Amino acid sequence: MGLAVVLACCCWPALRAQPATASAAVYSFDIPPQPLSSALEQFARQSRREILFTPSLVAGKRSPGVAGTLSAAQALDALLKGCGIVWSTTSADIILLHEQPPPPAPVRARGGGVDGT
């Protein structure tokens, strides 16, 4: 299998994202801290998984790395820690990276507030 990292995501609309699930398979990972794009390439090779992301999503970001015998989900979570990136899988078990959505804005009630009296 060739390098499993696809940097152009023109095919994203054709892929139907599914909730991320942890695979029962475990792999031996040895990925040192480095630029995130390089860490993801190593993750793809070591886990034999396909992963899709845009270069702009990972540009300038660093990964803390990961080492040990872990599931692909555990290793990917460790690699992405603190990067503001989340992942999901497609029905074909391809990993998709995307920006973490912002938290919902607080909802302000209109009129008749409670004043405690």
C-alpha atoms as a PDB file:
ATOM      1  CA  MET A   1       0.000   0.000   0.000  1.00  0.00           C
ATOM      2  CA  GLY A   2       1.368   3.424  -0.904  1.00  0.00           C
ATOM      3  CA  LEU A   3       1.510   6.386   1.408  1.00  0.00           C
ATOM      4  CA  ALA A   4      -1.934   6.610   2.953  1.00  0.00           C
ATOM      5  CA  VAL A   5      -2.030  10.355   3.375  1.00  0.00           C
ATOM      6  CA  VAL A   6      -4.016  12.339   0.872  1.00  0.00           C
ATOM      7  CA  LEU A   7      -3.325  16.049   1.074  1.00  0.00           C
ATOM      8  CA  ALA A   8      -5.957  17.220  -1.386  1.00  0.00           C
ATOM      9  CA  CYS A   9      -9.505  16.727  -0.268  1.00  0.00           C
ATOM     10  CA  CYS A  10     -11.466  17.216  -3.462  1.00  0.00           C
ATOM     11  CA  CYS A  11     -13.237  13.917  -2.816  1.00  0.00           C
ATOM     12  CA  TRP A  12     -14.585  14.833   0.650  1.00  0.00           C
ATOM     13  CA  PRO A  13     -18.147  15.545  -0.551  1.00  0.00           C
ATOM     14  CA  ALA A  14     -18.369  12.014  -1.932  1.00  0.00           C
ATOM     15  CA  LEU A  15     -17.480  10.504   1.445  1.00  0.00           C
ATOM     16  CA  ARG A  16     -20.149   9.992   4.063  1.00  0.00           C
ATOM     17  CA  ALA A  17     -18.718  10.651   7.526  1.00  0.00           C
ATOM     18  CA  GLN A  18     -19.572   8.227  10.295  1.00  0.00           C
ATOM     19  CA  PRO A  19     -18.955   8.588  14.026  1.00  0.00           C
ATOM     20  CA  ALA A  20     -15.380   7.801  14.980  1.00  0.00           C
ATOM     21  CA  THR A  21     -15.028   4.335  16.434  1.00  0.00           C
ATOM     22  CA  ALA A  22     -12.125   2.666  18.132  1.00  0.00           C
ATOM     23  CA  SER A  23     -10.773  -0.346  16.336  1.00  0.00           C
ATOM     24  CA  ALA A  24     -10.046  -3.498  18.329  1.00  0.00           C
ATOM     25  CA  ALA A  25      -6.690  -3.868  16.547  1.00  0.00           C
ATOM     26  CA  VAL A  26      -3.624  -2.480  18.288  1.00  0.00           C
ATOM     27  CA  TYR A  27      -0.408  -1.281  16.696  1.00  0.00           C
ATOM     28  CA  SER A  28       3.071  -0.443  17.873  1.00  0.00           C
ATOM     29  CA  PHE A  29       3.570   3.314  17.477  1.00  0.00           C
ATOM     30  CA  ASP A  30       6.840   5.218  17.716  1.00  0.00           C
ATOM     31  CA  ILE A  31       6.166   8.766  16.537  1.00  0.00           C
ATOM     32  CA  PRO A  32       8.335  11.478  18.133  1.00  0.00           C
ATOM     33  CA  PRO A  33       7.186  15.095  18.620  1.00  0.00           C
ATOM     34  CA  GLN A  34       7.359  16.843  15.232  1.00  0.00           C
ATOM     35  CA  PRO A  35       5.311  18.907  12.762  1.00  0.00           C
ATOM     36  CA  LEU A  36       1.773  17.522  12.686  1.00  0.00           C
ATOM     37  CA  SER A  37       1.830  16.764   8.952  1.00  0.00           C
ATOM     38  CA  SER A  38       4.883  14.513   9.381  1.00  0.00           C
ATOM     39  CA  ALA A  39       3.409  12.845  12.465  1.00  0.00           C
ATOM     40  CA  LEU A  40       0.216  12.053  10.538  1.00  0.00           C
ATOM     41  CA  GLU A  41       2.226  10.515   7.690  1.00  0.00           C
ATOM     42  CA  GLN A  42       3.989   8.258  10.195  1.00  0.00           C
ATOM     43  CA  PHE A  43       0.658   7.400  11.833  1.00  0.00           C
ATOM     44  CA  ALA A  44      -0.762   6.360   8.439  1.00  0.00           C
ATOM     45  CA  ARG A  45       2.234   4.104   7.743  1.00  0.00           C
ATOM     46  CA  GLN A  46       2.369   2.554  11.209  1.00  0.00           C
ATOM     47  CA  SER A  47      -1.390   1.916  11.463  1.00  0.00           C
ATOM     48  CA  ARG A  48      -1.884   1.042   7.780  1.00  0.00           C
ATOM     49  CA  ARG A  49      -4.853   3.458   7.706  1.00  0.00           C
ATOM     50  CA  GLU A  50      -5.854   6.079   5.163  1.00  0.00           C
ATOM     51  CA  ILE A  51      -6.186   9.614   6.476  1.00  0.00           C
ATOM     52  CA  LEU A  52      -7.468  12.703   4.645  1.00  0.00           C
ATOM     53  CA  PHE A  53      -6.680  16.294   5.566  1.00  0.00           C
ATOM     54  CA  THR A  54      -5.925  19.596   3.895  1.00  0.00           C
ATOM     55  CA  PRO A  55      -2.433  21.064   4.192  1.00  0.00           C
ATOM     56  CA  SER A  56      -3.885  24.314   5.568  1.00  0.00           C
ATOM     57  CA  LEU A  57      -5.546  22.435   8.443  1.00  0.00           C
ATOM     58  CA  VAL A  58      -2.228  21.177   9.816  1.00  0.00           C
ATOM     59  CA  ALA A  59       0.079  23.999   8.687  1.00  0.00           C
ATOM     60  CA  GLY A  60       2.221  25.342  11.512  1.00  0.00           C
ATOM     61  CA  LYS A  61       0.909  22.818  14.053  1.00  0.00           C
ATOM     62  CA  ARG A  62       3.049  20.408  16.046  1.00  0.00           C
ATOM     63  CA  SER A  63       2.208  17.023  17.446  1.00  0.00           C
ATOM     64  CA  PRO A  64       3.389  15.875  20.867  1.00  0.00           C
ATOM     65  CA  GLY A  65       4.040  12.437  19.356  1.00  0.00           C
ATOM     66  CA  VAL A  66       2.966   9.043  20.643  1.00  0.00           C
ATOM     67  CA  ALA A  67       4.720   5.803  21.553  1.00  0.00           C
ATOM     68  CA  GLY A  68       3.461   2.433  22.686  1.00  0.00           C
ATOM     69  CA  THR A  69       1.034  -0.317  21.769  1.00  0.00           C
ATOM     70  CA  LEU A  70      -2.300   1.393  21.178  1.00  0.00           C
ATOM     71  CA  SER A  71      -5.397   1.301  19.020  1.00  0.00           C
ATOM     72  CA  ALA A  72      -5.380   3.624  16.021  1.00  0.00           C
ATOM     73  CA  ALA A  73      -8.001   5.779  17.776  1.00  0.00           C
ATOM     74  CA  GLN A  74      -5.894   6.146  20.928  1.00  0.00           C
ATOM     75  CA  ALA A  75      -2.772   7.012  18.950  1.00  0.00           C
ATOM     76  CA  LEU A  76      -4.570   9.539  16.750  1.00  0.00           C
ATOM     77  CA  ASP A  77      -6.163  11.207  19.777  1.00  0.00           C
ATOM     78  CA  ALA A  78      -2.692  11.546  21.326  1.00  0.00           C
ATOM     79  CA  LEU A  79      -1.191  12.973  18.123  1.00  0.00           C
ATOM     80  CA  LEU A  80      -3.957  15.570  17.791  1.00  0.00           C
ATOM     81  CA  LYS A  81      -4.014  16.599  21.472  1.00  0.00           C
ATOM     82  CA  GLY A  82      -4.113  20.377  21.777  1.00  0.00           C
ATOM     83  CA  CYS A  83      -4.182  20.966  18.010  1.00  0.00           C
ATOM     84  CA  GLY A  84      -7.837  21.997  17.670  1.00  0.00           C
ATOM     85  CA  ILE A  85      -8.445  19.170  15.208  1.00  0.00           C
ATOM     86  CA  VAL A  86     -10.976  16.347  15.504  1.00  0.00           C
ATOM     87  CA  TRP A  87     -11.511  13.256  13.384  1.00  0.00           C
ATOM     88  CA  SER A  88     -14.222  10.963  12.113  1.00  0.00           C
ATOM     89  CA  THR A  89     -14.311   7.924   9.854  1.00  0.00           C
ATOM     90  CA  THR A  90     -16.167   7.201   6.649  1.00  0.00           C
ATOM     91  CA  SER A  91     -18.141   4.075   5.849  1.00  0.00           C
ATOM     92  CA  ALA A  92     -14.978   2.873   4.076  1.00  0.00           C
ATOM     93  CA  ASP A  93     -13.003   3.333   7.346  1.00  0.00           C
ATOM     94  CA  ILE A  94     -11.029   6.302   6.007  1.00  0.00           C
ATOM     95  CA  ILE A  95     -10.049   8.833   8.668  1.00  0.00           C
ATOM     96  CA  LEU A  96     -11.105  12.444   8.016  1.00  0.00           C
ATOM     97  CA  LEU A  97      -9.558  15.331   9.928  1.00  0.00           C
ATOM     98  CA  HIS A  98     -11.409  18.598  10.392  1.00  0.00           C
ATOM     99  CA  GLU A  99     -11.245  21.703  12.554  1.00  0.00           C
ATOM    100  CA  GLN A 100     -12.785  21.344  15.981  1.00  0.00           C
ATOM    101  CA  PRO A 101     -16.061  23.279  15.971  1.00  0.00           C
ATOM    102  CA  PRO A 102     -16.289  26.210  18.389  1.00  0.00           C
ATOM    103  CA  PRO A 103     -18.357  25.683  21.526  1.00  0.00           C
ATOM    104  CA  PRO A 104     -21.968  26.850  21.236  1.00  0.00           C
ATOM    105  CA  ALA A 105     -22.581  30.470  22.185  1.00  0.00           C
ATOM    106  CA  PRO A 106     -24.395  31.022  25.479  1.00  0.00           C
ATOM    107  CA  VAL A 107     -28.136  31.483  25.113  1.00  0.00           C
ATOM    108  CA  ARG A 108     -29.528  34.679  26.598  1.00  0.00           C
ATOM    109  CA  ALA A 109     -33.105  34.630  27.817  1.00  0.00           C
ATOM    110  CA  ARG A 110     -35.280  37.510  26.659  1.00  0.00           C
ATOM    111  CA  GLY A 111     -37.490  39.477  29.012  1.00  0.00           C
ATOM    112  CA  GLY A 112     -38.619  38.579  32.567  1.00  0.00           C
ATOM    113  CA  GLY A 113     -35.335  37.630  34.213  1.00  0.00           C
ATOM    114  CA  VAL A 114     -35.307  36.167  37.712  1.00  0.00           C
ATOM    115  CA  ASP A 115     -34.006  38.560  40.368  1.00  0.00           C
ATOM    116  CA  GLY A 116     -34.172  36.220  43.361  1.00  0.00           C
ATOM    117  CA  THR A 117     -36.795  38.175  45.320  1.00  0.00           C
END
